[in-house]
Protein backbone atom coordinates (compact mmCIF):
# COMPACT_ATOMS: atom_id res chain seq x y z
CA MET A 1 57.42 -4.46 46.53
CA THR A 2 56.30 -5.16 50.11
CA LEU A 3 53.12 -7.07 50.38
CA THR A 4 51.33 -7.34 53.87
CA ILE A 5 48.11 -9.20 54.61
CA ARG A 6 46.54 -7.93 57.83
CA TRP A 7 43.31 -8.17 59.86
CA ALA A 8 40.87 -5.28 58.94
CA ARG A 9 40.50 -2.98 61.93
CA PRO A 10 38.26 -0.10 62.89
CA GLY A 11 39.04 2.81 60.82
CA ASP A 12 39.32 0.62 57.60
CA GLU A 13 35.56 1.11 56.78
CA GLU A 14 36.17 3.57 53.95
CA THR A 15 38.78 1.34 52.39
CA ILE A 16 36.76 -1.81 52.77
CA LEU A 17 33.68 -0.01 51.17
CA ARG A 18 35.97 1.31 48.22
CA LEU A 19 37.14 -2.28 47.64
CA ILE A 20 33.60 -3.72 47.79
CA LYS A 21 32.49 -1.09 45.15
CA GLY A 22 35.31 -2.06 43.09
CA LEU A 23 34.22 -5.61 43.18
CA ALA A 24 30.67 -4.64 42.33
CA THR A 25 31.87 -2.71 39.40
CA TYR A 26 34.13 -5.74 38.16
CA GLU A 27 31.07 -7.87 38.55
CA ARG A 28 28.89 -5.57 36.44
CA GLU A 29 26.70 -4.44 39.37
CA PRO A 30 28.25 -0.95 40.29
CA ASP A 31 24.87 0.31 41.75
CA ALA A 32 24.18 -2.83 43.77
CA VAL A 33 26.21 -1.94 46.83
CA GLN A 34 23.94 -0.93 49.91
CA ALA A 35 26.72 -1.48 52.52
CA THR A 36 27.86 1.77 54.26
CA GLU A 37 30.75 2.55 56.36
CA GLN A 38 28.41 2.43 59.43
CA SER A 39 26.99 -0.95 58.44
CA LEU A 40 30.52 -2.31 57.93
CA ARG A 41 31.59 -0.90 61.36
CA ASP A 42 28.50 -2.53 62.91
CA THR A 43 29.13 -5.99 61.35
CA LEU A 44 32.89 -6.11 61.23
CA PHE A 45 33.94 -4.56 64.35
CA ALA A 46 31.13 -5.19 66.76
CA PRO A 47 31.90 -6.86 70.17
CA HIS A 48 30.59 -10.29 68.93
CA ALA A 49 31.46 -9.70 65.13
CA GLN A 50 30.71 -12.90 63.04
CA VAL A 51 32.11 -11.21 59.77
CA PHE A 52 35.76 -10.84 59.33
CA ALA A 53 38.30 -9.33 56.66
CA PHE A 54 41.81 -9.43 55.70
CA ILE A 55 43.28 -6.31 53.81
CA ALA A 56 46.25 -6.76 51.48
CA GLU A 57 48.71 -3.79 51.45
CA LEU A 58 51.17 -3.16 48.74
CA ASP A 59 53.88 -0.88 49.86
CA GLY A 60 51.55 0.37 52.65
CA ALA A 61 48.58 1.12 50.24
CA PRO A 62 45.47 -1.02 50.56
CA VAL A 63 44.93 -2.96 47.34
CA GLY A 64 42.86 -6.11 48.20
CA LEU A 65 40.20 -7.57 50.37
CA ALA A 66 39.09 -11.00 51.70
CA LEU A 67 35.78 -10.80 53.49
CA TRP A 68 34.63 -13.92 55.12
CA PHE A 69 32.68 -15.67 57.87
CA LEU A 70 32.19 -19.04 59.34
CA THR A 71 29.52 -21.60 58.44
CA TYR A 72 29.11 -25.27 59.76
CA SER A 73 29.07 -28.51 58.02
CA THR A 74 26.89 -31.17 59.75
CA TRP A 75 28.52 -33.70 57.57
CA THR A 76 32.05 -32.97 58.85
CA GLY A 77 31.05 -31.84 62.27
CA ARG A 78 33.31 -28.89 61.85
CA PRO A 79 33.15 -25.30 60.79
CA SER A 80 33.88 -24.08 57.35
CA LEU A 81 35.18 -20.73 56.23
CA TYR A 82 32.96 -18.97 53.64
CA LEU A 83 34.78 -16.49 51.49
CA GLU A 84 32.03 -13.76 50.51
CA ASP A 85 34.41 -11.49 48.66
CA LEU A 86 37.88 -11.54 47.20
CA PHE A 87 39.02 -8.52 45.37
CA VAL A 88 42.30 -6.83 44.18
CA ASP A 89 42.54 -3.52 42.59
CA ASP A 90 42.89 -3.52 38.95
CA ASP A 91 46.38 -1.95 38.88
CA ALA A 92 47.65 -4.27 41.55
CA ARG A 93 46.66 -7.65 39.81
CA GLY A 94 49.25 -10.12 38.70
CA ARG A 95 51.48 -9.53 41.67
CA GLY A 96 50.37 -12.64 43.76
CA ILE A 97 48.04 -10.58 46.07
CA ALA A 98 44.95 -12.68 45.70
CA ARG A 99 47.07 -15.95 46.14
CA ALA A 100 48.51 -14.21 49.28
CA LEU A 101 44.97 -13.44 50.57
CA PHE A 102 43.83 -17.00 49.87
CA LYS A 103 46.95 -18.27 51.65
CA ARG A 104 46.03 -16.31 54.83
CA LEU A 105 42.37 -17.66 54.55
CA ALA A 106 43.84 -21.12 54.44
CA GLU A 107 46.08 -20.34 57.35
CA GLU A 108 42.98 -19.01 59.29
CA ALA A 109 40.76 -21.96 58.26
CA LYS A 110 43.36 -24.41 59.66
CA ALA A 111 43.76 -22.41 62.92
CA ARG A 112 40.03 -22.66 63.36
CA ASN A 113 39.81 -26.33 62.50
CA CYS A 114 37.68 -25.77 59.44
CA ALA A 115 37.04 -28.63 57.22
CA ARG A 116 36.96 -26.50 53.96
CA ILE A 117 36.76 -23.02 52.52
CA ASP A 118 33.66 -22.47 50.33
CA TRP A 119 32.89 -19.62 47.98
CA ALA A 120 31.02 -18.71 44.71
CA VAL A 121 32.10 -17.54 41.45
CA LEU A 122 30.03 -15.94 38.73
CA ASP A 123 29.60 -18.28 35.80
CA TRP A 124 31.19 -15.92 33.23
CA ASN A 125 34.34 -15.24 35.33
CA VAL A 126 36.79 -17.61 33.73
CA ASP A 127 39.81 -15.75 34.87
CA ALA A 128 38.73 -16.18 38.52
CA MET A 129 37.88 -20.03 37.84
CA ALA A 130 41.27 -20.52 36.29
CA PHE A 131 42.94 -18.89 39.37
CA TYR A 132 40.91 -20.89 41.77
CA GLU A 133 41.83 -24.15 39.80
CA ARG A 134 45.55 -23.14 39.99
CA LEU A 135 45.19 -23.04 43.95
CA GLY A 136 43.56 -26.48 43.88
CA GLY A 137 40.06 -25.38 44.15
CA ARG A 138 37.33 -27.45 42.51
CA ARG A 139 33.80 -26.56 41.07
CA GLN A 140 31.19 -28.20 43.11
CA THR A 141 28.39 -29.88 41.16
CA GLY A 142 24.97 -31.02 42.15
CA TRP A 143 24.18 -28.08 44.49
CA GLU A 144 22.59 -24.90 43.10
CA PRO A 145 22.72 -21.67 44.91
CA TRP A 146 19.32 -20.34 46.00
CA ARG A 147 18.34 -17.05 47.83
CA LEU A 148 15.37 -15.63 49.64
CA HIS A 149 15.54 -11.74 49.81
CA GLY A 150 13.74 -8.56 49.39
CA ALA A 151 9.95 -8.71 49.40
CA ALA A 152 9.86 -12.47 49.53
CA LEU A 153 11.99 -12.41 52.74
CA ASP A 154 9.70 -9.72 54.24
CA ALA A 155 6.64 -11.68 53.29
CA LEU A 156 7.82 -14.94 54.81
CA ALA A 157 9.08 -13.34 57.98
CA GLU A 158 5.68 -11.45 58.50
CA SER A 159 3.49 -14.58 57.70
């Protein structure tokens, strides 16, 4: 078994979209994905892209994805790496691929002088929580996720 973690590159859009759809299915939202190969191309591979991805390949076949971007912490005065999606194909799980992706994220965070890595996990995903705890991750308390989207976002922008 040869495991490689590499930067996503132009031409990977179909693979990335397949992995995103796999994650959406795992998260019980198979019809929620609106991303397209073109939207991924436009955001990941534009000249001044602000969204990035690592792809895990097992014996040359893409089996995992870590999609991320940078945020900023005013309290630390340093950037933070925000992990938007981490996913490994069902049949490739249990081989250290998610850990290898997270290790690559940690290396990137250190290279960019990030103070931390942040992410969210669904409250029912106890397997993921256990994995993150094994890595040393800790649940944050006191902060609740909020979102403005859809009609409310449109209305506010137009007001």
